[in-house]
Amino acid sequence: MLPAQPSPGFQRVAHRYNLYLLRRAFHAVWWRGIEVLTAEPRRPALLYANHPGWWDPLLAFFVVRRTGRDGYMMGEEKTLRAFRFFRWMGGFSVDRTNARDVAQSIRYAGERLASPPTALWIFPQGEITPPDKRPIAFFSGVAHILRRAPACVAAPVAIRYEFDDQPRPEAFLDFGPGELIRGADARDMEGLTRHLRSRLAERMDALRDAVWARRREGFALALRGRRSISDIYADAAAWLNGKSLNGKKPDGKEM
């Protein structure tokens, strides 16, 4: 098991570079329910999310930096061995083929949740999976981590990428309401796992329905991407339309 090696200096640099990458890749990043992390910033939080794409860990890192949390994330051991810098960003490993390693990773994650500003991200599907595949896979590790944590807020997070009327996709993060779980009270691991899986599936369905219906109620713009060719065309069309209608620029000045 490879523990995290958080480096504040590296994380500051990585955050700036991550913003650059996200702005290039997405037209916009939207989130809803982020209050689960900001309302009680001193309450440890475990965020269990679906895993629809390569960008998920970088969006998770973006969230913890923007909310001022100490971020940790469980990832595959082979990935962390290949890309050591993920450990400097708060990543720690799990090897699901080794029961002893899994137990160490679960214990390590529970210990991280003893620190008040921690936000721990887990992707319990275990691999990249289409967001509309049902039933969703859900490993029981989340429940076992919660059993070893003193007390923390557990919240589902639905992640989705969609193309709309822009050449680049938009990213959506939908945070479900948090529930306070005390490790000493978590006894039925199978029941807790079913409960967490159901909550995540409900959040994923709600996000899908909102995005497909183009309902943005409750969503806030977390990050604006770079201007696209579509934006430039729209501005040019507006300017030309204004010119043809009244001989003035969009700002009302004579041309």
Protein backbone atom coordinates (compact mmCIF):
# COMPACT_ATOMS: atom_id res chain seq x y z
CA MET A 1 0.00 0.00 0.00
CA LEU A 2 1.40 3.36 -1.05
CA PRO A 3 0.46 6.19 1.34
CA ALA A 4 -0.18 9.74 0.22
CA GLN A 5 2.69 12.21 0.41
CA PRO A 6 0.89 15.58 0.29
CA SER A 7 3.11 18.42 -0.86
CA PRO A 8 1.54 21.89 -0.38
CA GLY A 9 4.01 23.48 -2.78
CA PHE A 10 3.43 20.92 -5.50
CA GLN A 11 -0.33 21.11 -4.98
CA ARG A 12 -0.33 24.86 -5.56
CA VAL A 13 1.52 24.40 -8.86
CA ALA A 14 -0.64 21.40 -9.80
CA HIS A 15 -3.81 23.38 -9.11
CA ARG A 16 -2.80 26.13 -11.54
CA TYR A 17 -1.90 23.59 -14.20
CA ASN A 18 -5.10 21.66 -13.54
CA LEU A 19 -7.15 24.83 -14.12
CA TYR A 20 -5.38 25.28 -17.44
CA LEU A 21 -6.19 21.69 -18.45
CA LEU A 22 -9.83 21.91 -17.41
CA ARG A 23 -10.37 25.22 -19.21
CA ARG A 24 -8.93 23.72 -22.39
CA ALA A 25 -10.93 20.50 -22.15
CA PHE A 26 -14.37 21.81 -21.12
CA HIS A 27 -16.63 24.63 -22.16
CA ALA A 28 -17.74 24.85 -18.52
CA VAL A 29 -17.74 22.97 -15.23
CA TRP A 30 -20.99 23.08 -13.24
CA TRP A 31 -21.70 21.92 -9.74
CA ARG A 32 -24.72 21.57 -7.49
CA GLY A 33 -24.88 20.86 -3.76
CA ILE A 34 -21.31 21.98 -3.06
CA GLU A 35 -22.59 23.20 0.32
CA VAL A 36 -22.02 19.69 1.62
CA LEU A 37 -18.32 20.67 1.75
CA THR A 38 -18.61 24.36 2.59
CA ALA A 39 -21.39 24.47 5.20
CA GLU A 40 -19.30 22.62 7.81
CA PRO A 41 -15.69 23.03 6.65
CA ARG A 42 -14.33 21.43 9.84
CA ARG A 43 -16.35 18.24 9.43
CA PRO A 44 -14.50 15.38 7.67
CA ALA A 45 -16.24 14.28 4.49
CA LEU A 46 -16.20 11.10 2.45
CA LEU A 47 -17.33 11.61 -1.14
CA TYR A 48 -18.24 8.46 -3.06
CA ALA A 49 -18.63 9.12 -6.77
CA ASN A 50 -19.30 7.30 -10.01
CA HIS A 51 -16.39 7.00 -12.41
CA PRO A 52 -17.44 7.93 -15.98
CA GLY A 53 -14.13 9.19 -17.33
CA TRP A 54 -10.43 9.98 -17.21
CA TRP A 55 -11.07 13.48 -15.90
CA ASP A 56 -12.75 12.40 -12.65
CA PRO A 57 -9.65 12.57 -10.38
CA LEU A 58 -8.67 15.98 -11.75
CA LEU A 59 -12.18 17.30 -11.11
CA ALA A 60 -11.97 15.89 -7.58
CA PHE A 61 -8.66 17.69 -7.06
CA PHE A 62 -10.24 20.90 -8.40
CA VAL A 63 -13.09 20.60 -5.90
CA VAL A 64 -10.89 20.14 -2.83
CA ARG A 65 -8.67 23.05 -3.84
CA ARG A 66 -11.63 25.36 -4.44
CA THR A 67 -13.25 24.44 -1.13
CA GLY A 68 -10.07 24.64 0.94
CA ARG A 69 -10.16 21.00 2.02
CA ASP A 70 -7.29 18.61 2.64
CA GLY A 71 -7.95 16.23 -0.23
CA TYR A 72 -7.22 12.51 -0.38
CA MET A 73 -8.15 10.00 -3.04
CA MET A 74 -7.91 6.23 -3.32
CA GLY A 75 -6.44 4.96 -6.60
CA GLU A 76 -5.06 1.82 -8.17
CA GLU A 77 -1.54 0.91 -7.06
CA LYS A 78 -0.25 0.48 -10.61
CA THR A 79 -1.35 4.03 -11.44
CA LEU A 80 0.34 5.55 -8.42
CA ARG A 81 3.54 3.64 -9.12
CA ALA A 82 3.58 4.93 -12.69
CA PHE A 83 2.65 8.51 -11.75
CA ARG A 84 4.22 9.25 -8.40
CA PHE A 85 3.07 12.87 -8.43
CA PHE A 86 -0.50 11.70 -7.69
CA ARG A 87 0.73 10.86 -4.19
CA TRP A 88 1.90 14.45 -3.78
CA MET A 89 -1.66 15.50 -4.67
CA GLY A 90 -3.15 13.31 -1.93
CA GLY A 91 -3.47 9.97 -3.72
CA PHE A 92 -2.94 6.67 -1.93
CA SER A 93 -3.14 3.19 -3.36
CA VAL A 94 -5.20 0.05 -3.12
CA ASP A 95 -4.47 -3.33 -4.69
CA ARG A 96 -7.79 -5.17 -4.88
CA THR A 97 -6.04 -8.44 -5.73
CA ASN A 98 -4.35 -8.49 -2.31
CA ALA A 99 -6.68 -8.81 0.70
CA ARG A 100 -4.00 -7.62 3.12
CA ASP A 101 -3.33 -4.54 1.00
CA VAL A 102 -7.04 -3.76 0.82
CA ALA A 103 -7.30 -3.93 4.61
CA GLN A 104 -4.31 -1.57 4.97
CA SER A 105 -5.83 0.91 2.50
CA ILE A 106 -9.19 0.88 4.30
CA ARG A 107 -7.52 1.44 7.65
CA TYR A 108 -5.39 4.26 6.20
CA ALA A 109 -8.49 5.94 4.69
CA GLY A 110 -10.32 5.74 8.00
CA GLU A 111 -7.40 7.39 9.76
CA ARG A 112 -7.44 10.27 7.27
CA LEU A 113 -11.08 10.92 8.18
CA ALA A 114 -10.05 11.63 11.77
CA SER A 115 -8.73 15.02 10.59
CA PRO A 116 -11.40 17.77 10.49
CA PRO A 117 -10.71 19.43 7.09
CA THR A 118 -10.32 16.15 5.17
CA ALA A 119 -12.31 15.44 2.03
CA LEU A 120 -11.72 11.85 0.94
CA TRP A 121 -12.76 10.81 -2.57
CA ILE A 122 -13.60 7.20 -3.40
CA PHE A 123 -14.72 5.79 -6.77
CA PRO A 124 -16.41 2.56 -5.63
CA GLN A 125 -17.14 1.31 -9.15
CA GLY A 126 -13.45 0.51 -9.36
CA GLU A 127 -13.09 1.31 -13.05
CA ILE A 128 -14.31 3.75 -15.69
CA THR A 129 -17.94 2.89 -16.37
CA PRO A 130 -20.59 4.52 -18.62
CA PRO A 131 -22.79 6.70 -16.39
CA ASP A 132 -26.05 5.12 -17.56
CA LYS A 133 -25.05 1.48 -17.02
CA ARG A 134 -27.33 -0.20 -14.51
CA PRO A 135 -27.15 -1.74 -12.03
CA ILE A 136 -24.09 0.15 -10.88
CA ALA A 137 -21.11 -1.75 -9.52
CA PHE A 138 -20.26 -0.73 -5.97
CA PHE A 139 -17.43 -2.23 -3.93
CA SER A 140 -18.00 -2.51 -0.20
CA GLY A 141 -14.83 -0.60 0.71
CA VAL A 142 -16.74 2.64 1.33
CA ALA A 143 -18.79 1.03 4.09
CA HIS A 144 -15.70 -0.48 5.71
CA ILE A 145 -13.94 2.89 5.63
CA LEU A 146 -16.92 4.56 7.31
CA ARG A 147 -16.90 1.88 10.03
CA ARG A 148 -13.29 2.84 10.85
CA ALA A 149 -13.89 6.61 10.84
CA PRO A 150 -14.80 8.35 14.13
CA ALA A 151 -17.63 10.38 12.52
CA CYS A 152 -17.87 12.00 9.12
CA VAL A 153 -20.31 13.25 6.51
CA ALA A 154 -20.80 10.79 3.65
CA ALA A 155 -22.20 12.19 0.40
CA PRO A 156 -22.76 10.73 -3.08
CA VAL A 157 -21.39 12.63 -6.06
CA ALA A 158 -22.68 12.11 -9.60
CA ILE A 159 -20.29 13.08 -12.40
CA ARG A 160 -21.34 13.46 -16.01
CA TYR A 161 -19.89 14.83 -19.26
CA GLU A 162 -22.24 16.08 -21.97
CA PHE A 163 -22.04 17.87 -25.31
CA ASP A 164 -24.62 20.57 -25.90
CA ASP A 165 -24.36 23.44 -28.37
CA GLN A 166 -20.60 23.83 -28.01
CA PRO A 167 -17.69 21.97 -29.63
CA ARG A 168 -16.33 21.01 -26.21
CA PRO A 169 -18.26 19.12 -23.53
CA GLU A 170 -19.50 20.42 -20.21
CA ALA A 171 -18.72 18.69 -16.92
CA PHE A 172 -21.35 18.34 -14.21
CA LEU A 173 -20.83 17.44 -10.55
CA ASP A 174 -23.95 16.85 -8.47
CA PHE A 175 -23.33 16.51 -4.72
CA GLY A 176 -26.07 14.76 -2.80
CA PRO A 177 -27.04 15.69 0.76
CA GLY A 178 -24.55 14.50 3.33
CA GLU A 179 -25.43 12.15 6.14
CA LEU A 180 -23.47 11.96 9.37
CA ILE A 181 -22.20 8.44 9.96
CA ARG A 182 -20.43 7.39 13.13
CA GLY A 183 -18.11 4.46 12.76
CA ALA A 184 -19.18 2.92 16.04
CA ASP A 185 -22.77 2.72 14.75
CA ALA A 186 -21.87 1.13 11.40
CA ARG A 187 -22.33 -2.61 11.95
CA ASP A 188 -24.24 -4.03 8.98
CA MET A 189 -21.73 -3.70 6.15
CA GLU A 190 -23.96 -5.29 3.52
CA GLY A 191 -26.91 -3.11 4.45
CA LEU A 192 -24.79 0.04 4.50
CA THR A 193 -23.29 -0.82 1.12
CA ARG A 194 -26.77 -1.28 -0.40
CA HIS A 195 -27.83 2.05 1.09
CA LEU A 196 -24.82 3.92 -0.29
CA ARG A 197 -25.20 2.31 -3.72
CA SER A 198 -28.87 3.32 -3.82
CA ARG A 199 -28.04 6.92 -2.89
CA LEU A 200 -25.40 7.16 -5.61
CA ALA A 201 -27.73 5.66 -8.23
CA GLU A 202 -30.46 8.14 -7.30
CA ARG A 203 -28.03 11.05 -7.63
CA MET A 204 -26.78 9.79 -10.99
CA ASP A 205 -30.36 9.48 -12.29
CA ALA A 206 -31.25 12.96 -11.03
CA LEU A 207 -28.23 14.47 -12.76
CA ARG A 208 -28.97 12.64 -16.02
CA ASP A 209 -32.58 13.85 -16.02
CA ALA A 210 -31.58 17.45 -15.28
CA VAL A 211 -28.91 17.55 -17.99
CA TRP A 212 -31.05 15.90 -20.65
CA ALA A 213 -33.91 18.30 -19.90
CA ARG A 214 -31.46 21.21 -19.88
CA ARG A 215 -32.57 22.17 -16.39
CA ARG A 216 -29.88 24.17 -14.63
CA GLU A 217 -31.81 25.01 -11.47
CA GLY A 218 -29.50 24.80 -8.49
CA PHE A 219 -26.34 24.50 -10.58
CA ALA A 220 -23.61 27.10 -10.25
CA LEU A 221 -20.80 27.77 -12.68
CA ALA A 222 -17.65 26.44 -11.04
CA LEU A 223 -15.27 27.11 -13.92
CA ARG A 224 -15.61 28.78 -17.31
CA GLY A 225 -13.61 27.22 -20.10
CA ARG A 226 -11.77 28.98 -22.88
CA ARG A 227 -13.85 30.76 -25.49
CA SER A 228 -14.83 28.40 -28.26
CA ILE A 229 -15.20 29.03 -31.98
CA SER A 230 -18.95 28.89 -31.37
CA ASP A 231 -18.66 31.76 -28.87
CA ILE A 232 -16.67 33.79 -31.38
CA TYR A 233 -19.22 33.13 -34.13
CA ALA A 234 -22.06 34.11 -31.79
CA ASP A 235 -20.34 37.39 -30.88
CA ALA A 236 -19.66 38.14 -34.55
CA ALA A 237 -23.27 37.38 -35.48
CA ALA A 238 -24.54 39.62 -32.69
CA TRP A 239 -22.24 42.43 -33.82
CA LEU A 240 -23.27 42.08 -37.47
CA ASN A 241 -26.93 41.89 -36.51
CA GLY A 242 -26.60 45.04 -34.46
CA LYS A 243 -24.84 46.76 -37.34
CA SER A 244 -27.49 45.78 -39.88
CA LEU A 245 -30.37 46.82 -37.62
CA ASN A 246 -29.33 50.23 -36.40
CA GLY A 247 -25.90 51.08 -37.72
CA LYS A 248 -24.43 50.83 -34.23
CA LYS A 249 -22.15 48.46 -32.42
CA PRO A 250 -23.61 46.27 -29.67
CA ASP A 251 -22.39 48.84 -27.12
CA GLY A 252 -24.60 51.48 -28.77
CA LYS A 253 -21.77 53.49 -30.32
CA GLU A 254 -21.78 54.60 -33.94
CA MET A 255 -19.69 52.47 -36.31
